[in-house]
Amino acid sequence: MTDHYTYRITWSAEDAEHVGLCAEFPSLTWLAPTPGEALSGIQQLVADCVADMQSNGETAPQPVADRLYSGKFVVRVPPETHRALAIQAAEQGISMNRLASVRLAKEG
């Protein structure tokens, strides 16, 4: 199951090494001189952590990749922002939902 987790490797200028990260375990990191070593290190660290959790009867986080998403979520914004978005959507002849979806897709 740990191979379904979301891993990322980035460079740390402060440490002058590559950093292995796991989205489902944000407190864990692994430093290494190469990206491959950083990935191997964080994967092993996560596997050890999951094994430890299981031996203690704890439930490990579900991998992001294995979760089901409805495509809906609620965002609260200030009334002024809501009004401005409603005006922009009306001027473009699209729904506010479509406007928000397009804008969020550009951010991704």
PDB file of N, CA and C in Angstrom:
ATOM      1  N   MET A   1       0.812  -1.192   0.000  1.00  0.00           N
ATOM      2  CA  MET A   1       0.000   0.000   0.000  1.00  0.00           C
ATOM      3  C   MET A   1       0.862   1.266   0.000  1.00  0.00           C
ATOM      4  N   THR A   2       2.053   1.226   0.576  1.00  0.00           N
ATOM      5  CA  THR A   2       2.864   2.441   0.658  1.00  0.00           C
ATOM      6  C   THR A   2       3.322   2.921  -0.714  1.00  0.00           C
ATOM      7  N   ASP A   3       3.246   2.051  -1.731  1.00  0.00           N
ATOM      8  CA  ASP A   3       3.630   2.491  -3.070  1.00  0.00           C
ATOM      9  C   ASP A   3       2.536   3.326  -3.731  1.00  0.00           C
ATOM     10  N   HIS A   4       1.359   3.433  -3.089  1.00  0.00           N
ATOM     11  CA  HIS A   4       0.285   4.278  -3.614  1.00  0.00           C
ATOM     12  C   HIS A   4       0.361   5.698  -3.055  1.00  0.00           C
ATOM     13  N   TYR A   5       1.213   5.932  -2.081  1.00  0.00           N
ATOM     14  CA  TYR A   5       1.313   7.261  -1.498  1.00  0.00           C
ATOM     15  C   TYR A   5       1.914   8.251  -2.497  1.00  0.00           C
ATOM     16  N   THR A   6       1.723   9.522  -2.226  1.00  0.00           N
ATOM     17  CA  THR A   6       2.170  10.586  -3.120  1.00  0.00           C
ATOM     18  C   THR A   6       3.525  11.108  -2.652  1.00  0.00           C
ATOM     19  N   TYR A   7       4.551  10.789  -3.413  1.00  0.00           N
ATOM     20  CA  TYR A   7       5.910  11.191  -3.072  1.00  0.00           C
ATOM     21  C   TYR A   7       6.366  12.333  -3.976  1.00  0.00           C
ATOM     22  N   ARG A   8       7.227  13.170  -3.422  1.00  0.00           N
ATOM     23  CA  ARG A   8       7.770  14.278  -4.195  1.00  0.00           C
ATOM     24  C   ARG A   8       9.211  14.484  -3.755  1.00  0.00           C
ATOM     25  N   ILE A   9      10.058  14.812  -4.702  1.00  0.00           N
ATOM     26  CA  ILE A   9      11.460  15.115  -4.418  1.00  0.00           C
ATOM     27  C   ILE A   9      11.703  16.567  -4.814  1.00  0.00           C
ATOM     28  N   THR A  10      12.328  17.297  -3.934  1.00  0.00           N
ATOM     29  CA  THR A  10      12.641  18.693  -4.214  1.00  0.00           C
ATOM     30  C   THR A  10      14.055  18.979  -3.723  1.00  0.00           C
ATOM     31  N   TRP A  11      14.592  20.093  -4.143  1.00  0.00           N
ATOM     32  CA  TRP A  11      15.936  20.486  -3.741  1.00  0.00           C
ATOM     33  C   TRP A  11      15.852  21.431  -2.555  1.00  0.00           C
ATOM     34  N   SER A  12      16.687  21.234  -1.556  1.00  0.00           N
ATOM     35  CA  SER A  12      16.781  22.131  -0.419  1.00  0.00           C
ATOM     36  C   SER A  12      18.096  22.888  -0.503  1.00  0.00           C
ATOM     37  N   ALA A  13      18.022  24.179  -0.824  1.00  0.00           N
ATOM     38  CA  ALA A  13      19.232  25.003  -0.877  1.00  0.00           C
ATOM     39  C   ALA A  13      19.843  25.120   0.514  1.00  0.00           C
ATOM     40  N   GLU A  14      18.979  25.173   1.533  1.00  0.00           N
ATOM     41  CA  GLU A  14      19.448  25.298   2.910  1.00  0.00           C
ATOM     42  C   GLU A  14      20.295  24.097   3.336  1.00  0.00           C
ATOM     43  N   ASP A  15      19.844  22.898   2.936  1.00  0.00           N
ATOM     44  CA  ASP A  15      20.561  21.673   3.312  1.00  0.00           C
ATOM     45  C   ASP A  15      21.549  21.225   2.238  1.00  0.00           C
ATOM     46  N   ALA A  16      21.454  21.814   1.051  1.00  0.00           N
ATOM     47  CA  ALA A  16      22.284  21.432  -0.102  1.00  0.00           C
ATOM     48  C   ALA A  16      22.125  19.952  -0.426  1.00  0.00           C
ATOM     49  N   GLU A  17      20.877  19.467  -0.298  1.00  0.00           N
ATOM     50  CA  GLU A  17      20.556  18.074  -0.619  1.00  0.00           C
ATOM     51  C   GLU A  17      19.138  18.001  -1.164  1.00  0.00           C
ATOM     52  N   HIS A  18      18.833  16.868  -1.743  1.00  0.00           N
ATOM     53  CA  HIS A  18      17.471  16.604  -2.195  1.00  0.00           C
ATOM     54  C   HIS A  18      16.635  16.151  -1.000  1.00  0.00           C
ATOM     55  N   VAL A  19      15.367  16.546  -1.015  1.00  0.00           N
ATOM     56  CA  VAL A  19      14.463  16.213   0.083  1.00  0.00           C
ATOM     57  C   VAL A  19      13.342  15.333  -0.449  1.00  0.00           C
ATOM     58  N   GLY A  20      13.151  14.190   0.190  1.00  0.00           N
ATOM     59  CA  GLY A  20      12.034  13.311  -0.125  1.00  0.00           C
ATOM     60  C   GLY A  20      10.863  13.651   0.787  1.00  0.00           C
ATOM     61  N   LEU A  21       9.687  13.809   0.203  1.00  0.00           N
ATOM     62  CA  LEU A  21       8.478  14.168   0.944  1.00  0.00           C
ATOM     63  C   LEU A  21       7.354  13.208   0.602  1.00  0.00           C
ATOM     64  N   CYS A  22       6.391  13.096   1.502  1.00  0.00           N
ATOM     65  CA  CYS A  22       5.208  12.281   1.254  1.00  0.00           C
ATOM     66  C   CYS A  22       3.992  13.099   1.683  1.00  0.00           C
ATOM     67  N   ALA A  23       3.068  13.362   0.759  1.00  0.00           N
ATOM     68  CA  ALA A  23       1.903  14.215   1.027  1.00  0.00           C
ATOM     69  C   ALA A  23       1.061  13.679   2.185  1.00  0.00           C
ATOM     70  N   GLU A  24       0.931  12.372   2.295  1.00  0.00           N
ATOM     71  CA  GLU A  24       0.092  11.783   3.332  1.00  0.00           C
ATOM     72  C   GLU A  24       0.755  11.796   4.715  1.00  0.00           C
ATOM     73  N   PHE A  25       2.055  11.989   4.750  1.00  0.00           N
ATOM     74  CA  PHE A  25       2.821  12.078   5.999  1.00  0.00           C
ATOM     75  C   PHE A  25       3.643  13.364   5.968  1.00  0.00           C
ATOM     76  N   PRO A  26       3.007  14.527   6.117  1.00  0.00           N
ATOM     77  CA  PRO A  26       3.716  15.796   5.943  1.00  0.00           C
ATOM     78  C   PRO A  26       4.831  16.063   6.953  1.00  0.00           C
ATOM     79  N   SER A  27       4.856  15.351   8.058  1.00  0.00           N
ATOM     80  CA  SER A  27       5.918  15.580   9.043  1.00  0.00           C
ATOM     81  C   SER A  27       7.181  14.785   8.743  1.00  0.00           C
ATOM     82  N   LEU A  28       7.134  13.882   7.769  1.00  0.00           N
ATOM     83  CA  LEU A  28       8.302  13.057   7.441  1.00  0.00           C
ATOM     84  C   LEU A  28       9.069  13.652   6.267  1.00  0.00           C
ATOM     85  N   THR A  29      10.394  13.641   6.365  1.00  0.00           N
ATOM     86  CA  THR A  29      11.259  14.064   5.261  1.00  0.00           C
ATOM     87  C   THR A  29      12.492  13.167   5.238  1.00  0.00           C
ATOM     88  N   TRP A  30      13.150  13.131   4.089  1.00  0.00           N
ATOM     89  CA  TRP A  30      14.389  12.366   3.973  1.00  0.00           C
ATOM     90  C   TRP A  30      15.361  13.158   3.104  1.00  0.00           C
ATOM     91  N   LEU A  31      16.533  13.454   3.637  1.00  0.00           N
ATOM     92  CA  LEU A  31      17.568  14.178   2.898  1.00  0.00           C
ATOM     93  C   LEU A  31      18.562  13.195   2.304  1.00  0.00           C
ATOM     94  N   ALA A  32      18.987  13.470   1.070  1.00  0.00           N
ATOM     95  CA  ALA A  32      19.962  12.611   0.405  1.00  0.00           C
ATOM     96  C   ALA A  32      20.667  13.409  -0.697  1.00  0.00           C
ATOM     97  N   PRO A  33      21.856  12.966  -1.086  1.00  0.00           N
ATOM     98  CA  PRO A  33      22.594  13.696  -2.115  1.00  0.00           C
ATOM     99  C   PRO A  33      22.016  13.572  -3.528  1.00  0.00           C
ATOM    100  N   THR A  34      21.236  12.517  -3.795  1.00  0.00           N
ATOM    101  CA  THR A  34      20.667  12.351  -5.131  1.00  0.00           C
ATOM    102  C   THR A  34      19.141  12.217  -5.034  1.00  0.00           C
ATOM    103  N   PRO A  35      18.424  12.549  -6.112  1.00  0.00           N
ATOM    104  CA  PRO A  35      16.975  12.391  -6.106  1.00  0.00           C
ATOM    105  C   PRO A  35      16.543  10.943  -5.859  1.00  0.00           C
ATOM    106  N   GLY A  36      17.247  10.001  -6.467  1.00  0.00           N
ATOM    107  CA  GLY A  36      16.911   8.579  -6.290  1.00  0.00           C
ATOM    108  C   GLY A  36      17.050   8.124  -4.853  1.00  0.00           C
ATOM    109  N   GLU A  37      18.112   8.572  -4.204  1.00  0.00           N
ATOM    110  CA  GLU A  37      18.316   8.215  -2.798  1.00  0.00           C
ATOM    111  C   GLU A  37      17.275   8.880  -1.904  1.00  0.00           C
ATOM    112  N   ALA A  38      16.884  10.095  -2.252  1.00  0.00           N
ATOM    113  CA  ALA A  38      15.851  10.790  -1.470  1.00  0.00           C
ATOM    114  C   ALA A  38      14.514  10.058  -1.599  1.00  0.00           C
ATOM    115  N   LEU A  39      14.199   9.592  -2.811  1.00  0.00           N
ATOM    116  CA  LEU A  39      12.955   8.848  -3.013  1.00  0.00           C
ATOM    117  C   LEU A  39      12.989   7.519  -2.266  1.00  0.00           C
ATOM    118  N   SER A  40      14.074   6.782  -2.407  1.00  0.00           N
ATOM    119  CA  SER A  40      14.190   5.499  -1.701  1.00  0.00           C
ATOM    120  C   SER A  40      14.107   5.694  -0.186  1.00  0.00           C
ATOM    121  N   GLY A  41      14.747   6.745   0.290  1.00  0.00           N
ATOM    122  CA  GLY A  41      14.761   7.001   1.720  1.00  0.00           C
ATOM    123  C   GLY A  41      13.387   7.329   2.275  1.00  0.00           C
ATOM    124  N   ILE A  42      12.647   8.211   1.596  1.00  0.00           N
ATOM    125  CA  ILE A  42      11.319   8.574   2.097  1.00  0.00           C
ATOM    126  C   ILE A  42      10.358   7.403   1.963  1.00  0.00           C
ATOM    127  N   GLN A  43      10.497   6.618   0.908  1.00  0.00           N
ATOM    128  CA  GLN A  43       9.624   5.438   0.764  1.00  0.00           C
ATOM    129  C   GLN A  43       9.854   4.450   1.902  1.00  0.00           C
ATOM    130  N   GLN A  44      11.105   4.219   2.259  1.00  0.00           N
ATOM    131  CA  GLN A  44      11.412   3.291   3.355  1.00  0.00           C
ATOM    132  C   GLN A  44      10.943   3.858   4.692  1.00  0.00           C
ATOM    133  N   LEU A  45      11.135   5.147   4.890  1.00  0.00           N
ATOM    134  CA  LEU A  45      10.688   5.785   6.124  1.00  0.00           C
ATOM    135  C   LEU A  45       9.165   5.678   6.277  1.00  0.00           C
ATOM    136  N   VAL A  46       8.427   5.909   5.198  1.00  0.00           N
ATOM    137  CA  VAL A  46       6.972   5.781   5.229  1.00  0.00           C
ATOM    138  C   VAL A  46       6.576   4.328   5.499  1.00  0.00           C
ATOM    139  N   ALA A  47       7.228   3.392   4.843  1.00  0.00           N
ATOM    140  CA  ALA A  47       6.924   1.974   5.061  1.00  0.00           C
ATOM    141  C   ALA A  47       7.152   1.599   6.526  1.00  0.00           C
ATOM    142  N   ASP A  48       8.245   2.070   7.106  1.00  0.00           N
ATOM    143  CA  ASP A  48       8.527   1.802   8.525  1.00  0.00           C
ATOM    144  C   ASP A  48       7.466   2.434   9.423  1.00  0.00           C
ATOM    145  N   CYS A  49       7.067   3.644   9.084  1.00  0.00           N
ATOM    146  CA  CYS A  49       6.053   4.344   9.876  1.00  0.00           C
ATOM    147  C   CYS A  49       4.707   3.616   9.804  1.00  0.00           C
ATOM    148  N   VAL A  50       4.319   3.177   8.611  1.00  0.00           N
ATOM    149  CA  VAL A  50       3.064   2.444   8.437  1.00  0.00           C
ATOM    150  C   VAL A  50       3.117   1.129   9.213  1.00  0.00           C
ATOM    151  N   ALA A  51       4.227   0.421   9.130  1.00  0.00           N
ATOM    152  CA  ALA A  51       4.384  -0.837   9.873  1.00  0.00           C
ATOM    153  C   ALA A  51       4.265  -0.595  11.374  1.00  0.00           C
ATOM    154  N   ASP A  52       4.877   0.470  11.861  1.00  0.00           N
ATOM    155  CA  ASP A  52       4.807   0.813  13.277  1.00  0.00           C
ATOM    156  C   ASP A  52       3.367   1.144  13.674  1.00  0.00           C
ATOM    157  N   MET A  53       2.676   1.903  12.841  1.00  0.00           N
ATOM    158  CA  MET A  53       1.281   2.254  13.126  1.00  0.00           C
ATOM    159  C   MET A  53       0.418   0.993  13.194  1.00  0.00           C
ATOM    160  N   GLN A  54       0.616   0.101  12.230  1.00  0.00           N
ATOM    161  CA  GLN A  54      -0.176  -1.133  12.197  1.00  0.00           C
ATOM    162  C   GLN A  54       0.106  -2.001  13.415  1.00  0.00           C
ATOM    163  N   SER A  55       1.360  -2.074  13.842  1.00  0.00           N
ATOM    164  CA  SER A  55       1.696  -2.899  15.012  1.00  0.00           C
ATOM    165  C   SER A  55       1.109  -2.320  16.298  1.00  0.00           C
ATOM    166  N   ASN A  56       0.814  -1.019  16.287  1.00  0.00           N
ATOM    167  CA  ASN A  56       0.201  -0.369  17.443  1.00  0.00           C
ATOM    168  C   ASN A  56      -1.315  -0.235  17.309  1.00  0.00           C
ATOM    169  N   GLY A  57      -1.882  -0.873  16.280  1.00  0.00           N
ATOM    170  CA  GLY A  57      -3.325  -0.836  16.083  1.00  0.00           C
ATOM    171  C   GLY A  57      -3.846   0.478  15.541  1.00  0.00           C
ATOM    172  N   GLU A  58      -2.974   1.295  15.011  1.00  0.00           N
ATOM    173  CA  GLU A  58      -3.384   2.570  14.428  1.00  0.00           C
ATOM    174  C   GLU A  58      -3.674   2.396  12.948  1.00  0.00           C
ATOM    175  N   THR A  59      -4.483   3.266  12.406  1.00  0.00           N
ATOM    176  CA  THR A  59      -4.825   3.230  10.986  1.00  0.00           C
ATOM    177  C   THR A  59      -3.942   4.202  10.232  1.00  0.00           C
ATOM    178  N   ALA A  60      -3.280   3.713   9.219  1.00  0.00           N
ATOM    179  CA  ALA A  60      -2.434   4.571   8.383  1.00  0.00           C
ATOM    180  C   ALA A  60      -3.321   5.419   7.477  1.00  0.00           C
ATOM    181  N   PRO A  61      -2.847   6.593   7.077  1.00  0.00           N
ATOM    182  CA  PRO A  61      -3.629   7.440   6.173  1.00  0.00           C
ATOM    183  C   PRO A  61      -3.908   6.732   4.847  1.00  0.00           C
ATOM    184  N   GLN A  62      -5.082   6.992   4.299  1.00  0.00           N
ATOM    185  CA  GLN A  62      -5.417   6.443   2.982  1.00  0.00           C
ATOM    186  C   GLN A  62      -4.659   7.239   1.926  1.00  0.00           C
ATOM    187  N   PRO A  63      -4.044   6.580   0.957  1.00  0.00           N
ATOM    188  CA  PRO A  63      -3.338   7.307  -0.092  1.00  0.00           C
ATOM    189  C   PRO A  63      -4.281   8.241  -0.855  1.00  0.00           C
ATOM    190  N   VAL A  64      -3.806   9.427  -1.181  1.00  0.00           N
ATOM    191  CA  VAL A  64      -4.600  10.387  -1.948  1.00  0.00           C
ATOM    192  C   VAL A  64      -5.072   9.750  -3.246  1.00  0.00           C
ATOM    193  N   ALA A  65      -4.211   8.987  -3.894  1.00  0.00           N
ATOM    194  CA  ALA A  65      -4.534   8.373  -5.178  1.00  0.00           C
ATOM    195  C   ALA A  65      -5.671   7.361  -5.083  1.00  0.00           C
ATOM    196  N   ASP A  66      -5.893   6.784  -3.914  1.00  0.00           N
ATOM    197  CA  ASP A  66      -6.935   5.771  -3.739  1.00  0.00           C
ATOM    198  C   ASP A  66      -8.264   6.350  -3.266  1.00  0.00           C
ATOM    199  N   ARG A  67      -8.299   7.639  -2.951  1.00  0.00           N
ATOM    200  CA  ARG A  67      -9.526   8.266  -2.477  1.00  0.00           C
ATOM    201  C   ARG A  67     -10.449   8.573  -3.652  1.00  0.00           C
ATOM    202  N   LEU A  68     -11.742   8.540  -3.382  1.00  0.00           N
ATOM    203  CA  LEU A  68     -12.736   8.903  -4.394  1.00  0.00           C
ATOM    204  C   LEU A  68     -13.149  10.352  -4.164  1.00  0.00           C
ATOM    205  N   TYR A  69     -13.277  11.104  -5.241  1.00  0.00           N
ATOM    206  CA  TYR A  69     -13.640  12.509  -5.150  1.00  0.00           C
ATOM    207  C   TYR A  69     -14.931  12.755  -5.915  1.00  0.00           C
ATOM    208  N   SER A  70     -15.812  13.552  -5.327  1.00  0.00           N
ATOM    209  CA  SER A  70     -17.109  13.835  -5.947  1.00  0.00           C
ATOM    210  C   SER A  70     -17.012  14.926  -7.003  1.00  0.00           C
ATOM    211  N   GLY A  71     -15.968  15.745  -6.942  1.00  0.00           N
ATOM    212  CA  GLY A  71     -15.866  16.875  -7.857  1.00  0.00           C
ATOM    213  C   GLY A  71     -16.527  18.120  -7.283  1.00  0.00           C
ATOM    214  N   LYS A  72     -17.016  18.033  -6.052  1.00  0.00           N
ATOM    215  CA  LYS A  72     -17.661  19.177  -5.408  1.00  0.00           C
ATOM    216  C   LYS A  72     -16.918  19.529  -4.127  1.00  0.00           C
ATOM    217  N   PHE A  73     -16.794  20.827  -3.880  1.00  0.00           N
ATOM    218  CA  PHE A  73     -16.326  21.307  -2.593  1.00  0.00           C
ATOM    219  C   PHE A  73     -16.844  22.722  -2.410  1.00  0.00           C
ATOM    220  N   VAL A  74     -16.951  23.146  -1.167  1.00  0.00           N
ATOM    221  CA  VAL A  74     -17.507  24.460  -0.856  1.00  0.00           C
ATOM    222  C   VAL A  74     -16.366  25.397  -0.479  1.00  0.00           C
ATOM    223  N   VAL A  75     -16.401  26.587  -1.034  1.00  0.00           N
ATOM    224  CA  VAL A  75     -15.405  27.602  -0.722  1.00  0.00           C
ATOM    225  C   VAL A  75     -16.135  28.838  -0.214  1.00  0.00           C
ATOM    226  N   ARG A  76     -15.714  29.318   0.931  1.00  0.00           N
ATOM    227  CA  ARG A  76     -16.296  30.548   1.476  1.00  0.00           C
ATOM    228  C   ARG A  76     -15.388  31.716   1.097  1.00  0.00           C
ATOM    229  N   VAL A  77     -16.015  32.768   0.574  1.00  0.00           N
ATOM    230  CA  VAL A  77     -15.289  33.976   0.190  1.00  0.00           C
ATOM    231  C   VAL A  77     -16.015  35.185   0.767  1.00  0.00           C
ATOM    232  N   PRO A  78     -15.324  36.301   0.878  1.00  0.00           N
ATOM    233  CA  PRO A  78     -15.999  37.511   1.344  1.00  0.00           C
ATOM    234  C   PRO A  78     -17.108  37.913   0.365  1.00  0.00           C
ATOM    235  N   PRO A  79     -18.161  38.561   0.851  1.00  0.00           N
ATOM    236  CA  PRO A  79     -19.266  38.968  -0.028  1.00  0.00           C
ATOM    237  C   PRO A  79     -18.812  39.792  -1.232  1.00  0.00           C
ATOM    238  N   GLU A  80     -17.797  40.638  -1.049  1.00  0.00           N
ATOM    239  CA  GLU A  80     -17.312  41.455  -2.163  1.00  0.00           C
ATOM    240  C   GLU A  80     -16.718  40.582  -3.273  1.00  0.00           C
ATOM    241  N   THR A  81     -16.005  39.545  -2.872  1.00  0.00           N
ATOM    242  CA  THR A  81     -15.421  38.614  -3.845  1.00  0.00           C
ATOM    243  C   THR A  81     -16.528  37.852  -4.560  1.00  0.00           C
ATOM    244  N   HIS A  82     -17.538  37.429  -3.819  1.00  0.00           N
ATOM    245  CA  HIS A  82     -18.676  36.717  -4.398  1.00  0.00           C
ATOM    246  C   HIS A  82     -19.352  37.593  -5.456  1.00  0.00           C
ATOM    247  N   ARG A  83     -19.570  38.860  -5.112  1.00  0.00           N
ATOM    248  CA  ARG A  83     -20.212  39.800  -6.050  1.00  0.00           C
ATOM    249  C   ARG A  83     -19.351  39.972  -7.300  1.00  0.00           C
ATOM    250  N   ALA A  84     -18.055  40.184  -7.123  1.00  0.00           N
ATOM    251  CA  ALA A  84     -17.160  40.387  -8.260  1.00  0.00           C
ATOM    252  C   ALA A  84     -17.140  39.160  -9.173  1.00  0.00           C
ATOM    253  N   LEU A  85     -17.133  37.977  -8.587  1.00  0.00           N
ATOM    254  CA  LEU A  85     -17.158  36.742  -9.395  1.00  0.00           C
ATOM    255  C   LEU A  85     -18.482  36.599 -10.136  1.00  0.00           C
ATOM    256  N   ALA A  86     -19.577  36.947  -9.477  1.00  0.00           N
ATOM    257  CA  ALA A  86     -20.896  36.870 -10.120  1.00  0.00           C
ATOM    258  C   ALA A  86     -20.956  37.817 -11.320  1.00  0.00           C
ATOM    259  N   ILE A  87     -20.395  39.004 -11.166  1.00  0.00           N
ATOM    260  CA  ILE A  87     -20.381  39.965 -12.267  1.00  0.00           C
ATOM    261  C   ILE A  87     -19.529  39.452 -13.419  1.00  0.00           C
ATOM    262  N   GLN A  88     -18.335  38.941 -13.100  1.00  0.00           N
ATOM    263  CA  GLN A  88     -17.454  38.412 -14.149  1.00  0.00           C
ATOM    264  C   GLN A  88     -18.111  37.257 -14.895  1.00  0.00           C
ATOM    265  N   ALA A  89     -18.751  36.356 -14.151  1.00  0.00           N
ATOM    266  CA  ALA A  89     -19.423  35.218 -14.788  1.00  0.00           C
ATOM    267  C   ALA A  89     -20.546  35.700 -15.698  1.00  0.00           C
ATOM    268  N   ALA A  90     -21.322  36.657 -15.221  1.00  0.00           N
ATOM    269  CA  ALA A  90     -22.431  37.181 -16.030  1.00  0.00           C
ATOM    270  C   ALA A  90     -21.907  37.856 -17.294  1.00  0.00           C
ATOM    271  N   GLU A  91     -20.838  38.625 -17.151  1.00  0.00           N
ATOM    272  CA  GLU A  91     -20.261  39.311 -18.311  1.00  0.00           C
ATOM    273  C   GLU A  91     -19.714  38.326 -19.336  1.00  0.00           C
ATOM    274  N   GLN A  92     -19.247  37.174 -18.870  1.00  0.00           N
ATOM    275  CA  GLN A  92     -18.707  36.157 -19.775  1.00  0.00           C
ATOM    276  C   GLN A  92     -19.773  35.193 -20.268  1.00  0.00           C
ATOM    277  N   GLY A  93     -20.967  35.300 -19.699  1.00  0.00           N
ATOM    278  CA  GLY A  93     -22.068  34.428 -20.105  1.00  0.00           C
ATOM    279  C   GLY A  93     -21.887  32.989 -19.645  1.00  0.00           C
ATOM    280  N   ILE A  94     -21.215  32.809 -18.503  1.00  0.00           N
ATOM    281  CA  ILE A  94     -21.016  31.460 -17.969  1.00  0.00           C
ATOM    282  C   ILE A  94     -21.467  31.440 -16.512  1.00  0.00           C
ATOM    283  N   SER A  95     -21.619  30.254 -15.972  1.00  0.00           N
ATOM    284  CA  SER A  95     -22.003  30.125 -14.564  1.00  0.00           C
ATOM    285  C   SER A  95     -20.811  30.450 -13.668  1.00  0.00           C
ATOM    286  N   MET A  96     -21.117  30.783 -12.421  1.00  0.00           N
ATOM    287  CA  MET A  96     -20.037  31.010 -11.466  1.00  0.00           C
ATOM    288  C   MET A  96     -19.240  29.730 -11.263  1.00  0.00           C
ATOM    289  N   ASN A  97     -19.918  28.599 -11.297  1.00  0.00           N
ATOM    290  CA  ASN A  97     -19.241  27.312 -11.150  1.00  0.00           C
ATOM    291  C   ASN A  97     -18.202  27.137 -12.260  1.00  0.00           C
ATOM    292  N   ARG A  98     -18.589  27.462 -13.490  1.00  0.00           N
ATOM    293  CA  ARG A  98     -17.670  27.318 -14.621  1.00  0.00           C
ATOM    294  C   ARG A  98     -16.497  28.290 -14.488  1.00  0.00           C
ATOM    295  N   LEU A  99     -16.787  29.523 -14.087  1.00  0.00           N
ATOM    296  CA  LEU A  99     -15.737  30.518 -13.899  1.00  0.00           C
ATOM    297  C   LEU A  99     -14.721  30.036 -12.867  1.00  0.00           C
ATOM    298  N   ALA A 100     -15.212  29.558 -11.722  1.00  0.00           N
ATOM    299  CA  ALA A 100     -14.317  29.068 -10.672  1.00  0.00           C
ATOM    300  C   ALA A 100     -13.524  27.858 -11.140  1.00  0.00           C
ATOM    301  N   SER A 101     -14.181  26.959 -11.858  1.00  0.00           N
ATOM    302  CA  SER A 101     -13.511  25.756 -12.353  1.00  0.00           C
ATOM    303  C   SER A 101     -12.373  26.114 -13.308  1.00  0.00           C
ATOM    304  N   VAL A 102     -12.617  27.040 -14.205  1.00  0.00           N
ATOM    305  CA  VAL A 102     -11.588  27.464 -15.162  1.00  0.00           C
ATOM    306  C   VAL A 102     -10.419  28.108 -14.425  1.00  0.00           C
ATOM    307  N   ARG A 103     -10.733  28.965 -13.464  1.00  0.00           N
ATOM    308  CA  ARG A 103      -9.661  29.645 -12.728  1.00  0.00           C
ATOM    309  C   ARG A 103      -8.835  28.658 -11.908  1.00  0.00           C
ATOM    310  N   LEU A 104      -9.498  27.709 -11.258  1.00  0.00           N
ATOM    311  CA  LEU A 104      -8.768  26.724 -10.470  1.00  0.00           C
ATOM    312  C   LEU A 104      -7.898  25.851 -11.358  1.00  0.00           C
ATOM    313  N   ALA A 105      -8.385  25.510 -12.537  1.00  0.00           N
ATOM    314  CA  ALA A 105      -7.604  24.678 -13.465  1.00  0.00           C
ATOM    315  C   ALA A 105      -6.330  25.406 -13.892  1.00  0.00           C
ATOM    316  N   LYS A 106      -6.392  26.726 -14.029  1.00  0.00           N
ATOM    317  CA  LYS A 106      -5.213  27.509 -14.406  1.00  0.00           C
ATOM    318  C   LYS A 106      -4.171  27.497 -13.289  1.00  0.00           C
ATOM    319  N   GLU A 107      -4.615  27.403 -12.039  1.00  0.00           N
ATOM    320  CA  GLU A 107      -3.710  27.395 -10.889  1.00  0.00           C
ATOM    321  C   GLU A 107      -2.996  26.054 -10.742  1.00  0.00           C
ATOM    322  N   GLY A 108      -3.631  24.968 -11.206  1.00  0.00           N
ATOM    323  CA  GLY A 108      -3.095  23.622 -11.032  1.00  0.00           C
ATOM    324  C   GLY A 108      -1.907  23.399 -11.856  1.00  0.00           C
TER     325      GLY A 108
END
